Amino acid sequence: EAHLGDIEYLRVTMRGLRQKIESDPGR
């Protein structure tokens, strides 16, 4: 609940996750 406005946390974590999971993180 304390981080509902911290959308940048989500974006940064999603970027790292894409780098590790996606075959082509750009697409």
mmCIF file of all heavy atoms, coordinates in Angstrom:
data_MODEL
# 
_entry.id   MODEL 
# 
loop_
_atom_site.group_PDB 
_atom_site.id 
_atom_site.type_symbol 
_atom_site.label_atom_id 
_atom_site.label_alt_id 
_atom_site.label_comp_id 
_atom_site.label_asym_id 
_atom_site.label_entity_id 
_atom_site.label_seq_id 
_atom_site.pdbx_PDB_ins_code 
_atom_site.Cartn_x 
_atom_site.Cartn_y 
_atom_site.Cartn_z 
_atom_site.occupancy 
_atom_site.B_iso_or_equiv 
_atom_site.pdbx_formal_charge 
_atom_site.auth_seq_id 
_atom_site.auth_comp_id 
_atom_site.auth_asym_id 
_atom_site.auth_atom_id 
_atom_site.pdbx_PDB_model_num 
ATOM 1   N N   . GLU A 1 1  ? 0.805  -1.225  0.000   1.00 0.00 ? 1  GLU A N   1 
ATOM 2   C CA  . GLU A 1 1  ? 0.000  0.000   0.000   1.00 0.00 ? 1  GLU A CA  1 
ATOM 3   C C   . GLU A 1 1  ? 0.834  1.270   0.000   1.00 0.00 ? 1  GLU A C   1 
ATOM 4   O O   . GLU A 1 1  ? 0.448  2.277   -0.571  1.00 0.00 ? 1  GLU A O   1 
ATOM 5   C CB  . GLU A 1 1  ? -0.927 0.015   1.223   1.00 0.00 ? 1  GLU A CB  1 
ATOM 6   C CG  . GLU A 1 1  ? -2.028 -1.007  1.172   1.00 0.00 ? 1  GLU A CG  1 
ATOM 7   C CD  . GLU A 1 1  ? -3.140 -0.642  0.206   1.00 0.00 ? 1  GLU A CD  1 
ATOM 8   O OE1 . GLU A 1 1  ? -3.384 0.552   -0.022  1.00 0.00 ? 1  GLU A OE1 1 
ATOM 9   O OE2 . GLU A 1 1  ? -3.768 -1.576  -0.314  1.00 0.00 ? 1  GLU A OE2 1 
ATOM 10  N N   . ALA A 1 2  ? 1.980  1.259   0.657   1.00 0.00 ? 2  ALA A N   1 
ATOM 11  C CA  . ALA A 1 2  ? 2.791  2.471   0.806   1.00 0.00 ? 2  ALA A CA  1 
ATOM 12  C C   . ALA A 1 2  ? 3.394  2.938   -0.517  1.00 0.00 ? 2  ALA A C   1 
ATOM 13  O O   . ALA A 1 2  ? 3.861  4.077   -0.604  1.00 0.00 ? 2  ALA A O   1 
ATOM 14  C CB  . ALA A 1 2  ? 3.902  2.233   1.822   1.00 0.00 ? 2  ALA A CB  1 
ATOM 15  N N   . HIS A 1 3  ? 3.390  2.111   -1.545  1.00 0.00 ? 3  HIS A N   1 
ATOM 16  C CA  . HIS A 1 3  ? 4.058  2.441   -2.805  1.00 0.00 ? 3  HIS A CA  1 
ATOM 17  C C   . HIS A 1 3  ? 3.103  2.540   -3.988  1.00 0.00 ? 3  HIS A C   1 
ATOM 18  O O   . HIS A 1 3  ? 3.521  2.373   -5.137  1.00 0.00 ? 3  HIS A O   1 
ATOM 19  C CB  . HIS A 1 3  ? 5.151  1.410   -3.098  1.00 0.00 ? 3  HIS A CB  1 
ATOM 20  C CG  . HIS A 1 3  ? 6.223  1.388   -2.069  1.00 0.00 ? 3  HIS A CG  1 
ATOM 21  N ND1 . HIS A 1 3  ? 7.208  2.336   -2.011  1.00 0.00 ? 3  HIS A ND1 1 
ATOM 22  C CD2 . HIS A 1 3  ? 6.443  0.556   -1.023  1.00 0.00 ? 3  HIS A CD2 1 
ATOM 23  C CE1 . HIS A 1 3  ? 8.002  2.081   -0.992  1.00 0.00 ? 3  HIS A CE1 1 
ATOM 24  N NE2 . HIS A 1 3  ? 7.549  1.010   -0.376  1.00 0.00 ? 3  HIS A NE2 1 
ATOM 25  N N   . LEU A 1 4  ? 1.836  2.836   -3.741  1.00 0.00 ? 4  LEU A N   1 
ATOM 26  C CA  . LEU A 1 4  ? 0.862  2.901   -4.830  1.00 0.00 ? 4  LEU A CA  1 
ATOM 27  C C   . LEU A 1 4  ? 1.178  3.981   -5.861  1.00 0.00 ? 4  LEU A C   1 
ATOM 28  O O   . LEU A 1 4  ? 0.803  3.858   -7.015  1.00 0.00 ? 4  LEU A O   1 
ATOM 29  C CB  . LEU A 1 4  ? -0.550 3.120   -4.267  1.00 0.00 ? 4  LEU A CB  1 
ATOM 30  C CG  . LEU A 1 4  ? -1.134 1.922   -3.533  1.00 0.00 ? 4  LEU A CG  1 
ATOM 31  C CD1 . LEU A 1 4  ? -2.521 2.267   -3.000  1.00 0.00 ? 4  LEU A CD1 1 
ATOM 32  C CD2 . LEU A 1 4  ? -1.202 0.702   -4.419  1.00 0.00 ? 4  LEU A CD2 1 
ATOM 33  N N   . GLY A 1 5  ? 1.880  5.032   -5.473  1.00 0.00 ? 5  GLY A N   1 
ATOM 34  C CA  . GLY A 1 5  ? 2.210  6.098   -6.410  1.00 0.00 ? 5  GLY A CA  1 
ATOM 35  C C   . GLY A 1 5  ? 3.584  5.966   -7.047  1.00 0.00 ? 5  GLY A C   1 
ATOM 36  O O   . GLY A 1 5  ? 3.971  6.774   -7.884  1.00 0.00 ? 5  GLY A O   1 
ATOM 37  N N   . ASP A 1 6  ? 4.329  4.936   -6.679  1.00 0.00 ? 6  ASP A N   1 
ATOM 38  C CA  . ASP A 1 6  ? 5.710  4.777   -7.150  1.00 0.00 ? 6  ASP A CA  1 
ATOM 39  C C   . ASP A 1 6  ? 5.771  3.936   -8.413  1.00 0.00 ? 6  ASP A C   1 
ATOM 40  O O   . ASP A 1 6  ? 6.352  2.857   -8.448  1.00 0.00 ? 6  ASP A O   1 
ATOM 41  C CB  . ASP A 1 6  ? 6.569  4.150   -6.049  1.00 0.00 ? 6  ASP A CB  1 
ATOM 42  C CG  . ASP A 1 6  ? 6.651  5.002   -4.806  1.00 0.00 ? 6  ASP A CG  1 
ATOM 43  O OD1 . ASP A 1 6  ? 6.563  6.235   -4.939  1.00 0.00 ? 6  ASP A OD1 1 
ATOM 44  O OD2 . ASP A 1 6  ? 6.799  4.438   -3.713  1.00 0.00 ? 6  ASP A OD2 1 
ATOM 45  N N   . ILE A 1 7  ? 5.204  4.453   -9.502  1.00 0.00 ? 7  ILE A N   1 
ATOM 46  C CA  . ILE A 1 7  ? 5.125  3.702   -10.754 1.00 0.00 ? 7  ILE A CA  1 
ATOM 47  C C   . ILE A 1 7  ? 6.520  3.437   -11.338 1.00 0.00 ? 7  ILE A C   1 
ATOM 48  O O   . ILE A 1 7  ? 6.719  2.472   -12.069 1.00 0.00 ? 7  ILE A O   1 
ATOM 49  C CB  . ILE A 1 7  ? 4.207  4.401   -11.765 1.00 0.00 ? 7  ILE A CB  1 
ATOM 50  C CG1 . ILE A 1 7  ? 3.822  3.426   -12.879 1.00 0.00 ? 7  ILE A CG1 1 
ATOM 51  C CG2 . ILE A 1 7  ? 4.844  5.648   -12.326 1.00 0.00 ? 7  ILE A CG2 1 
ATOM 52  C CD1 . ILE A 1 7  ? 2.642  3.864   -13.681 1.00 0.00 ? 7  ILE A CD1 1 
ATOM 53  N N   . GLU A 1 8  ? 7.483  4.278   -10.981 1.00 0.00 ? 8  GLU A N   1 
ATOM 54  C CA  . GLU A 1 8  ? 8.843  4.074   -11.491 1.00 0.00 ? 8  GLU A CA  1 
ATOM 55  C C   . GLU A 1 8  ? 9.436  2.756   -10.980 1.00 0.00 ? 8  GLU A C   1 
ATOM 56  O O   . GLU A 1 8  ? 10.200 2.100   -11.679 1.00 0.00 ? 8  GLU A O   1 
ATOM 57  C CB  . GLU A 1 8  ? 9.733  5.265   -11.098 1.00 0.00 ? 8  GLU A CB  1 
ATOM 58  C CG  . GLU A 1 8  ? 10.968 5.403   -11.941 1.00 0.00 ? 8  GLU A CG  1 
ATOM 59  C CD  . GLU A 1 8  ? 10.688 5.558   -13.437 1.00 0.00 ? 8  GLU A CD  1 
ATOM 60  O OE1 . GLU A 1 8  ? 9.677  6.175   -13.823 1.00 0.00 ? 8  GLU A OE1 1 
ATOM 61  O OE2 . GLU A 1 8  ? 11.503 5.059   -14.231 1.00 0.00 ? 8  GLU A OE2 1 
ATOM 62  N N   . TYR A 1 9  ? 9.070  2.341   -9.761  1.00 0.00 ? 9  TYR A N   1 
ATOM 63  C CA  . TYR A 1 9  ? 9.512  1.033   -9.246  1.00 0.00 ? 9  TYR A CA  1 
ATOM 64  C C   . TYR A 1 9  ? 9.072  -0.072  -10.203 1.00 0.00 ? 9  TYR A C   1 
ATOM 65  O O   . TYR A 1 9  ? 9.840  -0.968  -10.538 1.00 0.00 ? 9  TYR A O   1 
ATOM 66  C CB  . TYR A 1 9  ? 8.882  0.751   -7.880  1.00 0.00 ? 9  TYR A CB  1 
ATOM 67  C CG  . TYR A 1 9  ? 9.436  1.492   -6.703  1.00 0.00 ? 9  TYR A CG  1 
ATOM 68  C CD1 . TYR A 1 9  ? 10.324 2.553   -6.834  1.00 0.00 ? 9  TYR A CD1 1 
ATOM 69  C CD2 . TYR A 1 9  ? 9.058  1.130   -5.422  1.00 0.00 ? 9  TYR A CD2 1 
ATOM 70  C CE1 . TYR A 1 9  ? 10.804 3.231   -5.739  1.00 0.00 ? 9  TYR A CE1 1 
ATOM 71  C CE2 . TYR A 1 9  ? 9.540  1.799   -4.308  1.00 0.00 ? 9  TYR A CE2 1 
ATOM 72  C CZ  . TYR A 1 9  ? 10.419 2.845   -4.477  1.00 0.00 ? 9  TYR A CZ  1 
ATOM 73  O OH  . TYR A 1 9  ? 10.898 3.498   -3.383  1.00 0.00 ? 9  TYR A OH  1 
ATOM 74  N N   . LEU A 1 10 ? 7.816  0.020   -10.620 1.00 0.00 ? 10 LEU A N   1 
ATOM 75  C CA  . LEU A 1 10 ? 7.251  -0.988  -11.515 1.00 0.00 ? 10 LEU A CA  1 
ATOM 76  C C   . LEU A 1 10 ? 7.955  -0.972  -12.863 1.00 0.00 ? 10 LEU A C   1 
ATOM 77  O O   . LEU A 1 10 ? 8.312  -2.024  -13.398 1.00 0.00 ? 10 LEU A O   1 
ATOM 78  C CB  . LEU A 1 10 ? 5.750  -0.751  -11.681 1.00 0.00 ? 10 LEU A CB  1 
ATOM 79  C CG  . LEU A 1 10 ? 4.984  -1.691  -12.599 1.00 0.00 ? 10 LEU A CG  1 
ATOM 80  C CD1 . LEU A 1 10 ? 5.126  -3.133  -12.150 1.00 0.00 ? 10 LEU A CD1 1 
ATOM 81  C CD2 . LEU A 1 10 ? 3.521  -1.282  -12.646 1.00 0.00 ? 10 LEU A CD2 1 
ATOM 82  N N   . ARG A 1 11 ? 8.182  0.196   -13.412 1.00 0.00 ? 11 ARG A N   1 
ATOM 83  C CA  . ARG A 1 11 ? 8.834  0.297   -14.732 1.00 0.00 ? 11 ARG A CA  1 
ATOM 84  C C   . ARG A 1 11 ? 10.251 -0.254  -14.712 1.00 0.00 ? 11 ARG A C   1 
ATOM 85  O O   . ARG A 1 11 ? 10.654 -0.987  -15.624 1.00 0.00 ? 11 ARG A O   1 
ATOM 86  C CB  . ARG A 1 11 ? 8.842  1.751   -15.185 1.00 0.00 ? 11 ARG A CB  1 
ATOM 87  C CG  . ARG A 1 11 ? 7.477  2.254   -15.563 1.00 0.00 ? 11 ARG A CG  1 
ATOM 88  C CD  . ARG A 1 11 ? 7.539  3.671   -16.070 1.00 0.00 ? 11 ARG A CD  1 
ATOM 89  N NE  . ARG A 1 11 ? 6.205  4.116   -16.425 1.00 0.00 ? 11 ARG A NE  1 
ATOM 90  C CZ  . ARG A 1 11 ? 5.740  5.328   -16.202 1.00 0.00 ? 11 ARG A CZ  1 
ATOM 91  N NH1 . ARG A 1 11 ? 6.511  6.245   -15.644 1.00 0.00 ? 11 ARG A NH1 1 
ATOM 92  N NH2 . ARG A 1 11 ? 4.517  5.645   -16.543 1.00 0.00 ? 11 ARG A NH2 1 
ATOM 93  N N   . VAL A 1 12 ? 11.010 0.090   -13.673 1.00 0.00 ? 12 VAL A N   1 
ATOM 94  C CA  . VAL A 1 12 ? 12.402 -0.379  -13.579 1.00 0.00 ? 12 VAL A CA  1 
ATOM 95  C C   . VAL A 1 12 ? 12.440 -1.899  -13.405 1.00 0.00 ? 12 VAL A C   1 
ATOM 96  O O   . VAL A 1 12 ? 13.224 -2.594  -14.056 1.00 0.00 ? 12 VAL A O   1 
ATOM 97  C CB  . VAL A 1 12 ? 13.131 0.335   -12.422 1.00 0.00 ? 12 VAL A CB  1 
ATOM 98  C CG1 . VAL A 1 12 ? 14.463 -0.316  -12.119 1.00 0.00 ? 12 VAL A CG1 1 
ATOM 99  C CG2 . VAL A 1 12 ? 13.318 1.810   -12.745 1.00 0.00 ? 12 VAL A CG2 1 
ATOM 100 N N   . THR A 1 13 ? 11.572 -2.424  -12.550 1.00 0.00 ? 13 THR A N   1 
ATOM 101 C CA  . THR A 1 13 ? 11.541 -3.872  -12.321 1.00 0.00 ? 13 THR A CA  1 
ATOM 102 C C   . THR A 1 13 ? 11.084 -4.606  -13.578 1.00 0.00 ? 13 THR A C   1 
ATOM 103 O O   . THR A 1 13 ? 11.632 -5.652  -13.930 1.00 0.00 ? 13 THR A O   1 
ATOM 104 C CB  . THR A 1 13 ? 10.629 -4.208  -11.129 1.00 0.00 ? 13 THR A CB  1 
ATOM 105 O OG1 . THR A 1 13 ? 11.066 -3.460  -9.993  1.00 0.00 ? 13 THR A OG1 1 
ATOM 106 C CG2 . THR A 1 13 ? 10.670 -5.684  -10.805 1.00 0.00 ? 13 THR A CG2 1 
ATOM 107 N N   . MET A 1 14 ? 10.108 -4.046  -14.278 1.00 0.00 ? 14 MET A N   1 
ATOM 108 C CA  . MET A 1 14 ? 9.626  -4.668  -15.516 1.00 0.00 ? 14 MET A CA  1 
ATOM 109 C C   . MET A 1 14 ? 10.733 -4.682  -16.576 1.00 0.00 ? 14 MET A C   1 
ATOM 110 O O   . MET A 1 14 ? 10.885 -5.664  -17.303 1.00 0.00 ? 14 MET A O   1 
ATOM 111 C CB  . MET A 1 14 ? 8.397  -3.931  -16.038 1.00 0.00 ? 14 MET A CB  1 
ATOM 112 C CG  . MET A 1 14 ? 7.782  -4.578  -17.257 1.00 0.00 ? 14 MET A CG  1 
ATOM 113 S SD  . MET A 1 14 ? 7.239  -6.278  -17.024 1.00 0.00 ? 14 MET A SD  1 
ATOM 114 C CE  . MET A 1 14 ? 5.787  -6.036  -16.038 1.00 0.00 ? 14 MET A CE  1 
ATOM 115 N N   . ARG A 1 15 ? 11.510 -3.618  -16.637 1.00 0.00 ? 15 ARG A N   1 
ATOM 116 C CA  . ARG A 1 15 ? 12.604 -3.579  -17.609 1.00 0.00 ? 15 ARG A CA  1 
ATOM 117 C C   . ARG A 1 15 ? 13.623 -4.689  -17.325 1.00 0.00 ? 15 ARG A C   1 
ATOM 118 O O   . ARG A 1 15 ? 14.053 -5.404  -18.220 1.00 0.00 ? 15 ARG A O   1 
ATOM 119 C CB  . ARG A 1 15 ? 13.291 -2.214  -17.578 1.00 0.00 ? 15 ARG A CB  1 
ATOM 120 C CG  . ARG A 1 15 ? 14.415 -2.118  -18.582 1.00 0.00 ? 15 ARG A CG  1 
ATOM 121 C CD  . ARG A 1 15 ? 14.938 -0.701  -18.695 1.00 0.00 ? 15 ARG A CD  1 
ATOM 122 N NE  . ARG A 1 15 ? 15.907 -0.647  -19.743 1.00 0.00 ? 15 ARG A NE  1 
ATOM 123 C CZ  . ARG A 1 15 ? 17.166 -0.272  -19.565 1.00 0.00 ? 15 ARG A CZ  1 
ATOM 124 N NH1 . ARG A 1 15 ? 17.585 0.112   -18.387 1.00 0.00 ? 15 ARG A NH1 1 
ATOM 125 N NH2 . ARG A 1 15 ? 18.008 -0.255  -20.572 1.00 0.00 ? 15 ARG A NH2 1 
ATOM 126 N N   . GLY A 1 16 ? 13.988 -4.844  -16.054 1.00 0.00 ? 16 GLY A N   1 
ATOM 127 C CA  . GLY A 1 16 ? 14.919 -5.914  -15.685 1.00 0.00 ? 16 GLY A CA  1 
ATOM 128 C C   . GLY A 1 16 ? 14.354 -7.288  -15.957 1.00 0.00 ? 16 GLY A C   1 
ATOM 129 O O   . GLY A 1 16 ? 15.058 -8.191  -16.426 1.00 0.00 ? 16 GLY A O   1 
ATOM 130 N N   . LEU A 1 17 ? 13.075 -7.454  -15.687 1.00 0.00 ? 17 LEU A N   1 
ATOM 131 C CA  . LEU A 1 17 ? 12.416 -8.733  -15.933 1.00 0.00 ? 17 LEU A CA  1 
ATOM 132 C C   . LEU A 1 17 ? 12.376 -9.054  -17.420 1.00 0.00 ? 17 LEU A C   1 
ATOM 133 O O   . LEU A 1 17 ? 12.630 -10.189 -17.829 1.00 0.00 ? 17 LEU A O   1 
ATOM 134 C CB  . LEU A 1 17 ? 10.995 -8.689  -15.346 1.00 0.00 ? 17 LEU A CB  1 
ATOM 135 C CG  . LEU A 1 17 ? 10.208 -9.969  -15.266 1.00 0.00 ? 17 LEU A CG  1 
ATOM 136 C CD1 . LEU A 1 17 ? 10.965 -11.044 -14.510 1.00 0.00 ? 17 LEU A CD1 1 
ATOM 137 C CD2 . LEU A 1 17 ? 8.867  -9.703  -14.593 1.00 0.00 ? 17 LEU A CD2 1 
ATOM 138 N N   . ARG A 1 18 ? 12.105 -8.059  -18.235 1.00 0.00 ? 18 ARG A N   1 
ATOM 139 C CA  . ARG A 1 18 ? 12.109 -8.271  -19.692 1.00 0.00 ? 18 ARG A CA  1 
ATOM 140 C C   . ARG A 1 18 ? 13.493 -8.663  -20.194 1.00 0.00 ? 18 ARG A C   1 
ATOM 141 O O   . ARG A 1 18 ? 13.616 -9.496  -21.092 1.00 0.00 ? 18 ARG A O   1 
ATOM 142 C CB  . ARG A 1 18 ? 11.646 -7.013  -20.412 1.00 0.00 ? 18 ARG A CB  1 
ATOM 143 C CG  . ARG A 1 18 ? 10.160 -6.840  -20.419 1.00 0.00 ? 18 ARG A CG  1 
ATOM 144 C CD  . ARG A 1 18 ? 9.783  -5.622  -21.209 1.00 0.00 ? 18 ARG A CD  1 
ATOM 145 N NE  . ARG A 1 18 ? 8.342  -5.536  -21.353 1.00 0.00 ? 18 ARG A NE  1 
ATOM 146 C CZ  . ARG A 1 18 ? 7.691  -4.403  -21.448 1.00 0.00 ? 18 ARG A CZ  1 
ATOM 147 N NH1 . ARG A 1 18 ? 8.337  -3.245  -21.428 1.00 0.00 ? 18 ARG A NH1 1 
ATOM 148 N NH2 . ARG A 1 18 ? 6.392  -4.401  -21.580 1.00 0.00 ? 18 ARG A NH2 1 
ATOM 149 N N   . GLN A 1 19 ? 14.527 -8.050  -19.637 1.00 0.00 ? 19 GLN A N   1 
ATOM 150 C CA  . GLN A 1 19 ? 15.895 -8.382  -20.042 1.00 0.00 ? 19 GLN A CA  1 
ATOM 151 C C   . GLN A 1 19 ? 16.192 -9.859  -19.780 1.00 0.00 ? 19 GLN A C   1 
ATOM 152 O O   . GLN A 1 19 ? 16.939 -10.490 -20.520 1.00 0.00 ? 19 GLN A O   1 
ATOM 153 C CB  . GLN A 1 19 ? 16.912 -7.508  -19.287 1.00 0.00 ? 19 GLN A CB  1 
ATOM 154 C CG  . GLN A 1 19 ? 16.839 -6.039  -19.599 1.00 0.00 ? 19 GLN A CG  1 
ATOM 155 C CD  . GLN A 1 19 ? 17.295 -5.708  -21.006 1.00 0.00 ? 19 GLN A CD  1 
ATOM 156 O OE1 . GLN A 1 19 ? 18.193 -6.338  -21.549 1.00 0.00 ? 19 GLN A OE1 1 
ATOM 157 N NE2 . GLN A 1 19 ? 16.646 -4.727  -21.605 1.00 0.00 ? 19 GLN A NE2 1 
ATOM 158 N N   . LYS A 1 20 ? 15.586 -10.405 -18.740 1.00 0.00 ? 20 LYS A N   1 
ATOM 159 C CA  . LYS A 1 20 ? 15.871 -11.788 -18.349 1.00 0.00 ? 20 LYS A CA  1 
ATOM 160 C C   . LYS A 1 20 ? 14.923 -12.809 -18.972 1.00 0.00 ? 20 LYS A C   1 
ATOM 161 O O   . LYS A 1 20 ? 15.318 -13.958 -19.191 1.00 0.00 ? 20 LYS A O   1 
ATOM 162 C CB  . LYS A 1 20 ? 15.802 -11.907 -16.823 1.00 0.00 ? 20 LYS A CB  1 
ATOM 163 C CG  . LYS A 1 20 ? 16.860 -11.071 -16.130 1.00 0.00 ? 20 LYS A CG  1 
ATOM 164 C CD  . LYS A 1 20 ? 16.678 -11.074 -14.636 1.00 0.00 ? 20 LYS A CD  1 
ATOM 165 C CE  . LYS A 1 20 ? 17.719 -10.188 -13.962 1.00 0.00 ? 20 LYS A CE  1 
ATOM 166 N NZ  . LYS A 1 20 ? 17.580 -10.176 -12.498 1.00 0.00 ? 20 LYS A NZ  1 
ATOM 167 N N   . ILE A 1 21 ? 13.696 -12.413 -19.279 1.00 0.00 ? 21 ILE A N   1 
ATOM 168 C CA  . ILE A 1 21 ? 12.676 -13.358 -19.734 1.00 0.00 ? 21 ILE A CA  1 
ATOM 169 C C   . ILE A 1 21 ? 12.458 -13.325 -21.247 1.00 0.00 ? 21 ILE A C   1 
ATOM 170 O O   . ILE A 1 21 ? 12.289 -14.359 -21.879 1.00 0.00 ? 21 ILE A O   1 
ATOM 171 C CB  . ILE A 1 21 ? 11.328 -13.087 -19.019 1.00 0.00 ? 21 ILE A CB  1 
ATOM 172 C CG1 . ILE A 1 21 ? 11.465 -13.323 -17.519 1.00 0.00 ? 21 ILE A CG1 1 
ATOM 173 C CG2 . ILE A 1 21 ? 10.203 -13.927 -19.592 1.00 0.00 ? 21 ILE A CG2 1 
ATOM 174 C CD1 . ILE A 1 21 ? 11.697 -14.760 -17.121 1.00 0.00 ? 21 ILE A CD1 1 
ATOM 175 N N   . GLU A 1 22 ? 12.430 -12.147 -21.818 1.00 0.00 ? 22 GLU A N   1 
ATOM 176 C CA  . GLU A 1 22 ? 12.110 -12.001 -23.238 1.00 0.00 ? 22 GLU A CA  1 
ATOM 177 C C   . GLU A 1 22 ? 13.297 -12.400 -24.118 1.00 0.00 ? 22 GLU A C   1 
ATOM 178 O O   . GLU A 1 22 ? 14.437 -12.145 -23.784 1.00 0.00 ? 22 GLU A O   1 
ATOM 179 C CB  . GLU A 1 22 ? 11.737 -10.546 -23.557 1.00 0.00 ? 22 GLU A CB  1 
ATOM 180 C CG  . GLU A 1 22 ? 10.476 -10.064 -22.895 1.00 0.00 ? 22 GLU A CG  1 
ATOM 181 C CD  . GLU A 1 22 ? 9.213  -10.549 -23.581 1.00 0.00 ? 22 GLU A CD  1 
ATOM 182 O OE1 . GLU A 1 22 ? 9.284  -11.219 -24.632 1.00 0.00 ? 22 GLU A OE1 1 
ATOM 183 O OE2 . GLU A 1 22 ? 8.142  -10.243 -23.043 1.00 0.00 ? 22 GLU A OE2 1 
ATOM 184 N N   . SER A 1 23 ? 12.992 -12.995 -25.285 1.00 0.00 ? 23 SER A N   1 
ATOM 185 C CA  . SER A 1 23 ? 14.058 -13.306 -26.244 1.00 0.00 ? 23 SER A CA  1 
ATOM 186 C C   . SER A 1 23 ? 14.551 -12.027 -26.911 1.00 0.00 ? 23 SER A C   1 
ATOM 187 O O   . SER A 1 23 ? 15.725 -11.901 -27.234 1.00 0.00 ? 23 SER A O   1 
ATOM 188 C CB  . SER A 1 23 ? 13.576 -14.315 -27.280 1.00 0.00 ? 23 SER A CB  1 
ATOM 189 O OG  . SER A 1 23 ? 12.426 -13.820 -27.936 1.00 0.00 ? 23 SER A OG  1 
ATOM 190 N N   . ASP A 1 24 ? 13.661 -11.055 -27.132 1.00 0.00 ? 24 ASP A N   1 
ATOM 191 C CA  . ASP A 1 24 ? 14.023 -9.740  -27.659 1.00 0.00 ? 24 ASP A CA  1 
ATOM 192 C C   . ASP A 1 24 ? 13.332 -8.691  -26.786 1.00 0.00 ? 24 ASP A C   1 
ATOM 193 O O   . ASP A 1 24 ? 12.173 -8.346  -27.020 1.00 0.00 ? 24 ASP A O   1 
ATOM 194 C CB  . ASP A 1 24 ? 13.574 -9.594  -29.116 1.00 0.00 ? 24 ASP A CB  1 
ATOM 195 C CG  . ASP A 1 24 ? 13.949 -8.245  -29.715 1.00 0.00 ? 24 ASP A CG  1 
ATOM 196 O OD1 . ASP A 1 24 ? 14.652 -7.456  -29.043 1.00 0.00 ? 24 ASP A OD1 1 
ATOM 197 O OD2 . ASP A 1 24 ? 13.532 -7.973  -30.854 1.00 0.00 ? 24 ASP A OD2 1 
ATOM 198 N N   . PRO A 1 25 ? 14.035 -8.185  -25.750 1.00 0.00 ? 25 PRO A N   1 
ATOM 199 C CA  . PRO A 1 25 ? 13.410 -7.242  -24.815 1.00 0.00 ? 25 PRO A CA  1 
ATOM 200 C C   . PRO A 1 25 ? 12.861 -5.974  -25.479 1.00 0.00 ? 25 PRO A C   1 
ATOM 201 O O   . PRO A 1 25 ? 11.939 -5.358  -24.964 1.00 0.00 ? 25 PRO A O   1 
ATOM 202 C CB  . PRO A 1 25 ? 14.529 -6.888  -23.841 1.00 0.00 ? 25 PRO A CB  1 
ATOM 203 C CG  . PRO A 1 25 ? 15.499 -8.004  -23.946 1.00 0.00 ? 25 PRO A CG  1 
ATOM 204 C CD  . PRO A 1 25 ? 15.408 -8.501  -25.356 1.00 0.00 ? 25 PRO A CD  1 
ATOM 205 N N   . GLY A 1 26 ? 13.393 -5.601  -26.622 1.00 0.00 ? 26 GLY A N   1 
ATOM 206 C CA  . GLY A 1 26 ? 12.901 -4.428  -27.332 1.00 0.00 ? 26 GLY A CA  1 
ATOM 207 C C   . GLY A 1 26 ? 11.548 -4.654  -27.981 1.00 0.00 ? 26 GLY A C   1 
ATOM 208 O O   . GLY A 1 26 ? 10.834 -3.694  -28.282 1.00 0.00 ? 26 GLY A O   1 
ATOM 209 N N   . ARG A 1 27 ? 11.213 -5.904  -28.230 1.00 0.00 ? 27 ARG A N   1 
ATOM 210 C CA  . ARG A 1 27 ? 9.920  -6.277  -28.811 1.00 0.00 ? 27 ARG A CA  1 
ATOM 211 C C   . ARG A 1 27 ? 9.308  -7.397  -27.968 1.00 0.00 ? 27 ARG A C   1 
ATOM 212 O O   . ARG A 1 27 ? 9.305  -8.563  -28.373 1.00 0.00 ? 27 ARG A O   1 
ATOM 213 C CB  . ARG A 1 27 ? 10.099 -6.743  -30.239 1.00 0.00 ? 27 ARG A CB  1 
ATOM 214 C CG  . ARG A 1 27 ? 10.600 -5.653  -31.137 1.00 0.00 ? 27 ARG A CG  1 
ATOM 215 C CD  . ARG A 1 27 ? 10.762 -6.135  -32.533 1.00 0.00 ? 27 ARG A CD  1 
ATOM 216 N NE  . ARG A 1 27 ? 11.347 -5.059  -33.326 1.00 0.00 ? 27 ARG A NE  1 
ATOM 217 C CZ  . ARG A 1 27 ? 11.461 -5.095  -34.615 1.00 0.00 ? 27 ARG A CZ  1 
ATOM 218 N NH1 . ARG A 1 27 ? 11.035 -6.134  -35.277 1.00 0.00 ? 27 ARG A NH1 1 
ATOM 219 N NH2 . ARG A 1 27 ? 12.002 -4.081  -35.255 1.00 0.00 ? 27 ARG A NH2 1 
# 
